[in-house]
Amino acid sequence: MKTAILIDGGFYRKRASFLWGKKTPDKRAAELMAYCNSHMKYVQQYEPSSLYRIFYYDCPPLAKTVYHPLLKRGIDFRHSETHSWTESFFSELRKQRKVALRLGELSDDDATYNISTAALKDICSGKKQISNLTENDFSVSFKQKGVDMRIGLDIASLAYKRQIDQIILIAGDSDFVPAAKLARREGIDFILDPMWANIKDNLFEHIDGLHSQWGRKQK
């Protein structure tokens, strides 16, 4: 049996940081590889299986100046810690064996800073005044283009060409459902790993199994 592991990169980085804390790019990349290897070891307990390839989907980091309404000045993300970390992380993944990096596009024309939901609720309830807002009450928002499409196309291609027998998808939303249904119709065993995040009950009918590796104490 051949297994392909597909990873929604933005989801993985967010969940990994939440579960196991922030790490340097090289350590996060090593952690990701170890996580995928642990999936393979789990699968091999029940049936002989080899890794076909790891597909990692993400977008380039934001690389433009965005006006910050609180600071009243532009923030150049090309020189930000996030930008350099992300580029270094992608570089580390490119060095790994059997890893295919699939990058979408960043739709940053409408990139803007938004006030957080928590801060907005505090202002509306009178718990916080506008004059008490800090940088941490704002976050930059932008849209990714092409990531979900690339995941869906690869699932369809792998299934139709019979290149694999099993797909393990590390993701947390329901955008994958049409592709998962297609893969299952083609006889592909489809496993979802939401990394311990809750998923909607109706997603269970579109997958063959639900399995997350490691616990929250893993480092």
C-alpha atoms as a PDB file:
ATOM      1  CA  MET A   1       0.000   0.000   0.000  1.00  0.00           C
ATOM      2  CA  LYS A   2       1.208   3.493  -0.841  1.00  0.00           C
ATOM      3  CA  THR A   3       0.292   6.491   1.312  1.00  0.00           C
ATOM      4  CA  ALA A   4       0.348  10.175   0.437  1.00  0.00           C
ATOM      5  CA  ILE A   5       0.262  12.782   3.205  1.00  0.00           C
ATOM      6  CA  LEU A   6      -1.278  16.143   2.314  1.00  0.00           C
ATOM      7  CA  ILE A   7      -0.864  19.100   4.670  1.00  0.00           C
ATOM      8  CA  ASP A   8      -2.742  22.384   4.838  1.00  0.00           C
ATOM      9  CA  GLY A   9       0.326  24.381   5.875  1.00  0.00           C
ATOM     10  CA  GLY A  10      -1.405  27.405   7.357  1.00  0.00           C
ATOM     11  CA  PHE A  11      -3.532  25.104   9.512  1.00  0.00           C
ATOM     12  CA  TYR A  12      -0.566  22.979  10.578  1.00  0.00           C
ATOM     13  CA  ARG A  13       1.590  25.941  11.607  1.00  0.00           C
ATOM     14  CA  LYS A  14      -1.229  27.461  13.643  1.00  0.00           C
ATOM     15  CA  ARG A  15      -2.153  24.214  15.399  1.00  0.00           C
ATOM     16  CA  ALA A  16       1.471  23.183  15.994  1.00  0.00           C
ATOM     17  CA  SER A  17       2.212  26.543  17.609  1.00  0.00           C
ATOM     18  CA  PHE A  18      -0.886  26.167  19.806  1.00  0.00           C
ATOM     19  CA  LEU A  19      -0.164  22.554  20.787  1.00  0.00           C
ATOM     20  CA  TRP A  20       3.618  22.553  21.092  1.00  0.00           C
ATOM     21  CA  GLY A  21       4.680  26.207  21.257  1.00  0.00           C
ATOM     22  CA  LYS A  22       6.704  28.411  18.963  1.00  0.00           C
ATOM     23  CA  LYS A  23       9.836  26.958  17.384  1.00  0.00           C
ATOM     24  CA  THR A  24      12.626  27.990  15.058  1.00  0.00           C
ATOM     25  CA  PRO A  25      12.075  27.214  11.347  1.00  0.00           C
ATOM     26  CA  ASP A  26      14.432  24.228  11.351  1.00  0.00           C
ATOM     27  CA  LYS A  27      12.871  22.719  14.472  1.00  0.00           C
ATOM     28  CA  ARG A  28       9.329  23.256  13.181  1.00  0.00           C
ATOM     29  CA  ALA A  29      10.293  21.553   9.912  1.00  0.00           C
ATOM     30  CA  ALA A  30      11.898  18.656  11.793  1.00  0.00           C
ATOM     31  CA  GLU A  31       8.772  18.401  13.943  1.00  0.00           C
ATOM     32  CA  LEU A  32       6.577  18.248  10.830  1.00  0.00           C
ATOM     33  CA  MET A  33       8.667  15.446   9.353  1.00  0.00           C
ATOM     34  CA  ALA A  34       8.549  13.530  12.622  1.00  0.00           C
ATOM     35  CA  TYR A  35       4.776  14.021  12.739  1.00  0.00           C
ATOM     36  CA  CYS A  36       4.383  12.582   9.239  1.00  0.00           C
ATOM     37  CA  ASN A  37       6.717   9.684  10.053  1.00  0.00           C
ATOM     38  CA  SER A  38       4.645   8.887  13.126  1.00  0.00           C
ATOM     39  CA  HIS A  39       1.579   8.679  10.900  1.00  0.00           C
ATOM     40  CA  MET A  40       3.381   6.160   8.697  1.00  0.00           C
ATOM     41  CA  LYS A  41       4.402   4.073  11.706  1.00  0.00           C
ATOM     42  CA  TYR A  42       0.792   4.052  12.891  1.00  0.00           C
ATOM     43  CA  VAL A  43      -0.450   2.901   9.472  1.00  0.00           C
ATOM     44  CA  GLN A  44       2.222   0.213   9.232  1.00  0.00           C
ATOM     45  CA  GLN A  45       0.938  -1.387  12.435  1.00  0.00           C
ATOM     46  CA  TYR A  46      -2.061  -2.620  10.476  1.00  0.00           C
ATOM     47  CA  GLU A  47      -0.843  -3.005   6.913  1.00  0.00           C
ATOM     48  CA  PRO A  48       2.513  -2.812   5.098  1.00  0.00           C
ATOM     49  CA  SER A  49       2.720   0.682   3.612  1.00  0.00           C
ATOM     50  CA  SER A  50       5.282   2.982   2.036  1.00  0.00           C
ATOM     51  CA  LEU A  51       5.298   6.758   1.812  1.00  0.00           C
ATOM     52  CA  TYR A  52       4.568   7.993  -1.693  1.00  0.00           C
ATOM     53  CA  ARG A  53       5.132  11.687  -0.978  1.00  0.00           C
ATOM     54  CA  ILE A  54       4.378  14.514   1.462  1.00  0.00           C
ATOM     55  CA  PHE A  55       2.553  17.433  -0.159  1.00  0.00           C
ATOM     56  CA  TYR A  56       2.761  20.694   1.778  1.00  0.00           C
ATOM     57  CA  TYR A  57       0.393  23.528   0.750  1.00  0.00           C
ATOM     58  CA  ASP A  58       0.869  27.132   1.816  1.00  0.00           C
ATOM     59  CA  CYS A  59       1.289  30.696   0.548  1.00  0.00           C
ATOM     60  CA  PRO A  60       4.330  32.990   0.464  1.00  0.00           C
ATOM     61  CA  PRO A  61       4.540  35.400   3.395  1.00  0.00           C
ATOM     62  CA  LEU A  62       3.084  38.898   3.182  1.00  0.00           C
ATOM     63  CA  ALA A  63       5.624  41.209   1.541  1.00  0.00           C
ATOM     64  CA  LYS A  64       4.171  44.708   1.463  1.00  0.00           C
ATOM     65  CA  THR A  65       3.632  47.737   3.673  1.00  0.00           C
ATOM     66  CA  VAL A  66       0.300  47.814   5.516  1.00  0.00           C
ATOM     67  CA  TYR A  67      -0.993  50.864   7.382  1.00  0.00           C
ATOM     68  CA  HIS A  68      -1.508  50.340  11.118  1.00  0.00           C
ATOM     69  CA  PRO A  69      -4.427  52.480  12.386  1.00  0.00           C
ATOM     70  CA  LEU A  70      -3.240  52.563  15.987  1.00  0.00           C
ATOM     71  CA  LEU A  71       0.419  53.300  15.298  1.00  0.00           C
ATOM     72  CA  LYS A  72      -0.585  55.638  12.449  1.00  0.00           C
ATOM     73  CA  ARG A  73       2.215  54.389  10.221  1.00  0.00           C
ATOM     74  CA  GLY A  74       2.903  51.668   7.699  1.00  0.00           C
ATOM     75  CA  ILE A  75       4.395  48.315   8.729  1.00  0.00           C
ATOM     76  CA  ASP A  76       6.745  46.838   6.141  1.00  0.00           C
ATOM     77  CA  PHE A  77       6.249  43.090   6.334  1.00  0.00           C
ATOM     78  CA  ARG A  78       9.200  42.400   4.044  1.00  0.00           C
ATOM     79  CA  HIS A  79      11.449  43.069   7.039  1.00  0.00           C
ATOM     80  CA  SER A  80       9.245  41.378   9.626  1.00  0.00           C
ATOM     81  CA  GLU A  81      10.183  38.390  11.761  1.00  0.00           C
ATOM     82  CA  THR A  82       7.203  36.485  10.336  1.00  0.00           C
ATOM     83  CA  HIS A  83       8.434  36.963   6.776  1.00  0.00           C
ATOM     84  CA  SER A  84      11.976  35.748   7.488  1.00  0.00           C
ATOM     85  CA  TRP A  85      10.701  32.833   9.620  1.00  0.00           C
ATOM     86  CA  THR A  86       8.329  31.646   6.906  1.00  0.00           C
ATOM     87  CA  GLU A  87      10.935  31.866   4.152  1.00  0.00           C
ATOM     88  CA  SER A  88      13.407  29.925   6.292  1.00  0.00           C
ATOM     89  CA  PHE A  89      10.769  27.320   7.116  1.00  0.00           C
ATOM     90  CA  PHE A  90       9.976  26.791   3.418  1.00  0.00           C
ATOM     91  CA  SER A  91      13.693  26.502   2.711  1.00  0.00           C
ATOM     92  CA  GLU A  92      14.013  23.764   5.334  1.00  0.00           C
ATOM     93  CA  LEU A  93      11.079  21.835   3.836  1.00  0.00           C
ATOM     94  CA  ARG A  94      12.620  21.981   0.355  1.00  0.00           C
ATOM     95  CA  LYS A  95      15.621  20.084   1.721  1.00  0.00           C
ATOM     96  CA  GLN A  96      13.522  17.195   2.973  1.00  0.00           C
ATOM     97  CA  ARG A  97      13.243  13.934   1.066  1.00  0.00           C
ATOM     98  CA  LYS A  98       9.875  13.178  -0.569  1.00  0.00           C
ATOM     99  CA  VAL A  99       8.420  16.601   0.256  1.00  0.00           C
ATOM    100  CA  ALA A 100       6.641  18.573  -2.469  1.00  0.00           C
ATOM    101  CA  LEU A 101       6.074  22.231  -1.644  1.00  0.00           C
ATOM    102  CA  ARG A 102       2.889  23.553  -3.244  1.00  0.00           C
ATOM    103  CA  LEU A 103       2.637  27.336  -2.894  1.00  0.00           C
ATOM    104  CA  GLY A 104      -0.477  29.279  -3.772  1.00  0.00           C
ATOM    105  CA  GLU A 105      -0.743  33.027  -4.170  1.00  0.00           C
ATOM    106  CA  LEU A 106      -1.278  35.757  -1.630  1.00  0.00           C
ATOM    107  CA  SER A 107      -4.077  38.156  -2.488  1.00  0.00           C
ATOM    108  CA  ASP A 108      -2.611  41.077  -0.546  1.00  0.00           C
ATOM    109  CA  ASP A 109      -4.189  43.993  -2.411  1.00  0.00           C
ATOM    110  CA  ASP A 110      -6.753  44.311   0.374  1.00  0.00           C
ATOM    111  CA  ALA A 111      -4.372  43.490   3.237  1.00  0.00           C
ATOM    112  CA  THR A 112      -5.379  45.521   6.259  1.00  0.00           C
ATOM    113  CA  TYR A 113      -5.177  45.623  10.042  1.00  0.00           C
ATOM    114  CA  ASN A 114      -8.378  44.663  11.851  1.00  0.00           C
ATOM    115  CA  ILE A 115      -9.265  44.993  15.493  1.00  0.00           C
ATOM    116  CA  SER A 116      -9.630  41.646  17.248  1.00  0.00           C
ATOM    117  CA  THR A 117     -13.082  40.278  18.071  1.00  0.00           C
ATOM    118  CA  ALA A 118     -12.234  40.201  21.785  1.00  0.00           C
ATOM    119  CA  ALA A 119     -11.136  43.852  21.826  1.00  0.00           C
ATOM    120  CA  LEU A 120     -14.230  44.897  19.877  1.00  0.00           C
ATOM    121  CA  LYS A 121     -16.491  43.109  22.369  1.00  0.00           C
ATOM    122  CA  ASP A 122     -14.711  44.811  25.278  1.00  0.00           C
ATOM    123  CA  ILE A 123     -15.221  48.223  23.684  1.00  0.00           C
ATOM    124  CA  CYS A 124     -18.891  47.575  22.972  1.00  0.00           C
ATOM    125  CA  SER A 125     -19.485  46.329  26.523  1.00  0.00           C
ATOM    126  CA  GLY A 126     -17.609  49.264  28.055  1.00  0.00           C
ATOM    127  CA  LYS A 127     -14.820  47.111  29.501  1.00  0.00           C
ATOM    128  CA  LYS A 128     -12.198  48.865  27.390  1.00  0.00           C
ATOM    129  CA  GLN A 129     -11.827  52.353  25.945  1.00  0.00           C
ATOM    130  CA  ILE A 130     -10.432  53.063  22.496  1.00  0.00           C
ATOM    131  CA  SER A 131      -7.587  54.944  24.153  1.00  0.00           C
ATOM    132  CA  ASN A 132      -6.580  51.708  25.931  1.00  0.00           C
ATOM    133  CA  LEU A 133      -6.066  49.672  22.765  1.00  0.00           C
ATOM    134  CA  THR A 134      -2.611  48.205  22.133  1.00  0.00           C
ATOM    135  CA  GLU A 135      -0.831  46.653  19.148  1.00  0.00           C
ATOM    136  CA  ASN A 136      -1.892  43.210  20.362  1.00  0.00           C
ATOM    137  CA  ASP A 137      -5.541  44.174  19.808  1.00  0.00           C
ATOM    138  CA  PHE A 138      -4.938  44.306  16.043  1.00  0.00           C
ATOM    139  CA  SER A 139      -3.955  41.690  13.488  1.00  0.00           C
ATOM    140  CA  VAL A 140      -3.310  41.887   9.773  1.00  0.00           C
ATOM    141  CA  SER A 141      -5.712  40.063   7.466  1.00  0.00           C
ATOM    142  CA  PHE A 142      -5.321  38.988   3.854  1.00  0.00           C
ATOM    143  CA  LYS A 143      -6.556  36.219   1.583  1.00  0.00           C
ATOM    144  CA  GLN A 144      -4.830  33.144   0.238  1.00  0.00           C
ATOM    145  CA  LYS A 145      -5.545  32.029  -3.312  1.00  0.00           C
ATOM    146  CA  GLY A 146      -5.038  28.623  -4.832  1.00  0.00           C
ATOM    147  CA  VAL A 147      -4.248  26.529  -1.744  1.00  0.00           C
ATOM    148  CA  ASP A 148      -7.589  24.702  -1.491  1.00  0.00           C
ATOM    149  CA  MET A 149      -7.693  24.331  -5.259  1.00  0.00           C
ATOM    150  CA  ARG A 150      -4.230  22.726  -5.333  1.00  0.00           C
ATOM    151  CA  ILE A 151      -5.184  20.308  -2.572  1.00  0.00           C
ATOM    152  CA  GLY A 152      -8.331  19.295  -4.453  1.00  0.00           C
ATOM    153  CA  LEU A 153      -6.532  18.885  -7.772  1.00  0.00           C
ATOM    154  CA  ASP A 154      -3.786  16.749  -6.249  1.00  0.00           C
ATOM    155  CA  ILE A 155      -6.306  14.518  -4.483  1.00  0.00           C
ATOM    156  CA  ALA A 156      -8.170  14.028  -7.768  1.00  0.00           C
ATOM    157  CA  SER A 157      -4.972  13.384  -9.725  1.00  0.00           C
ATOM    158  CA  LEU A 158      -3.619  10.892  -7.199  1.00  0.00           C
ATOM    159  CA  ALA A 159      -6.934   9.054  -7.130  1.00  0.00           C
ATOM    160  CA  TYR A 160      -7.558   8.907 -10.879  1.00  0.00           C
ATOM    161  CA  LYS A 161      -4.003   7.846 -11.697  1.00  0.00           C
ATOM    162  CA  ARG A 162      -4.065   5.232  -8.922  1.00  0.00           C
ATOM    163  CA  GLN A 163      -0.692   6.451  -7.693  1.00  0.00           C
ATOM    164  CA  ILE A 164      -1.634   5.791  -4.080  1.00  0.00           C
ATOM    165  CA  ASP A 165      -3.962   3.627  -2.006  1.00  0.00           C
ATOM    166  CA  GLN A 166      -4.372   5.934   0.953  1.00  0.00           C
ATOM    167  CA  ILE A 167      -4.469   9.679   1.626  1.00  0.00           C
ATOM    168  CA  ILE A 168      -3.849  11.224   5.022  1.00  0.00           C
ATOM    169  CA  LEU A 169      -5.023  14.842   5.018  1.00  0.00           C
ATOM    170  CA  ILE A 170      -3.874  17.155   7.810  1.00  0.00           C
ATOM    171  CA  ALA A 171      -6.471  19.923   7.763  1.00  0.00           C
ATOM    172  CA  GLY A 172      -9.231  21.406   9.829  1.00  0.00           C
ATOM    173  CA  ASP A 173     -12.068  22.641   7.626  1.00  0.00           C
ATOM    174  CA  SER A 174     -14.644  21.173   5.275  1.00  0.00           C
ATOM    175  CA  ASP A 175     -13.294  22.553   1.981  1.00  0.00           C
ATOM    176  CA  PHE A 176     -11.810  19.135   1.253  1.00  0.00           C
ATOM    177  CA  VAL A 177     -15.167  17.300   1.193  1.00  0.00           C
ATOM    178  CA  PRO A 178     -15.763  17.225  -2.612  1.00  0.00           C
ATOM    179  CA  ALA A 179     -12.232  15.924  -3.228  1.00  0.00           C
ATOM    180  CA  ALA A 180     -12.551  13.392  -0.403  1.00  0.00           C
ATOM    181  CA  LYS A 181     -15.802  12.058  -1.870  1.00  0.00           C
ATOM    182  CA  LEU A 182     -14.132  11.688  -5.269  1.00  0.00           C
ATOM    183  CA  ALA A 183     -11.149   9.841  -3.801  1.00  0.00           C
ATOM    184  CA  ARG A 184     -13.357   7.456  -1.865  1.00  0.00           C
ATOM    185  CA  ARG A 185     -15.403   6.675  -4.983  1.00  0.00           C
ATOM    186  CA  GLU A 186     -12.103   5.686  -6.619  1.00  0.00           C
ATOM    187  CA  GLY A 187     -11.377   3.282  -3.756  1.00  0.00           C
ATOM    188  CA  ILE A 188      -8.857   5.444  -1.885  1.00  0.00           C
ATOM    189  CA  ASP A 189      -8.726   5.091   1.902  1.00  0.00           C
ATOM    190  CA  PHE A 190      -9.170   8.678   3.162  1.00  0.00           C
ATOM    191  CA  ILE A 191      -7.952   9.595   6.670  1.00  0.00           C
ATOM    192  CA  LEU A 192      -8.420  13.051   8.201  1.00  0.00           C
ATOM    193  CA  ASP A 193      -6.095  14.425  10.867  1.00  0.00           C
ATOM    194  CA  PRO A 194      -7.479  17.673  12.395  1.00  0.00           C
ATOM    195  CA  MET A 195      -4.683  17.735  15.008  1.00  0.00           C
ATOM    196  CA  TRP A 196      -7.128  17.377  17.890  1.00  0.00           C
ATOM    197  CA  ALA A 197      -9.306  20.256  16.665  1.00  0.00           C
ATOM    198  CA  ASN A 198     -13.053  19.659  16.670  1.00  0.00           C
ATOM    199  CA  ILE A 199     -14.686  18.911  13.327  1.00  0.00           C
ATOM    200  CA  LYS A 200     -18.324  19.052  12.276  1.00  0.00           C
ATOM    201  CA  ASP A 201     -20.271  15.838  12.848  1.00  0.00           C
ATOM    202  CA  ASN A 202     -21.378  15.636   9.211  1.00  0.00           C
ATOM    203  CA  LEU A 203     -17.754  15.362   8.049  1.00  0.00           C
ATOM    204  CA  PHE A 204     -17.511  11.819   9.363  1.00  0.00           C
ATOM    205  CA  GLU A 205     -19.612  10.484   6.480  1.00  0.00           C
ATOM    206  CA  HIS A 206     -17.060  11.787   3.961  1.00  0.00           C
ATOM    207  CA  ILE A 207     -13.926  10.166   5.433  1.00  0.00           C
ATOM    208  CA  ASP A 208     -12.787   6.619   6.211  1.00  0.00           C
ATOM    209  CA  GLY A 209     -11.131   7.447   9.486  1.00  0.00           C
ATOM    210  CA  LEU A 210     -10.177  10.200  11.917  1.00  0.00           C
ATOM    211  CA  HIS A 211      -6.770  10.071  13.549  1.00  0.00           C
ATOM    212  CA  SER A 212      -4.511  12.690  15.146  1.00  0.00           C
ATOM    213  CA  GLN A 213      -0.935  11.890  16.125  1.00  0.00           C
ATOM    214  CA  TRP A 214       0.755  12.906  19.378  1.00  0.00           C
ATOM    215  CA  GLY A 215      -0.809  14.635  22.335  1.00  0.00           C
ATOM    216  CA  ARG A 216      -0.603  18.184  23.576  1.00  0.00           C
ATOM    217  CA  LYS A 217       2.457  17.384  25.678  1.00  0.00           C
ATOM    218  CA  GLN A 218       4.571  16.429  22.658  1.00  0.00           C
ATOM    219  CA  LYS A 219       7.498  18.789  21.971  1.00  0.00           C
END
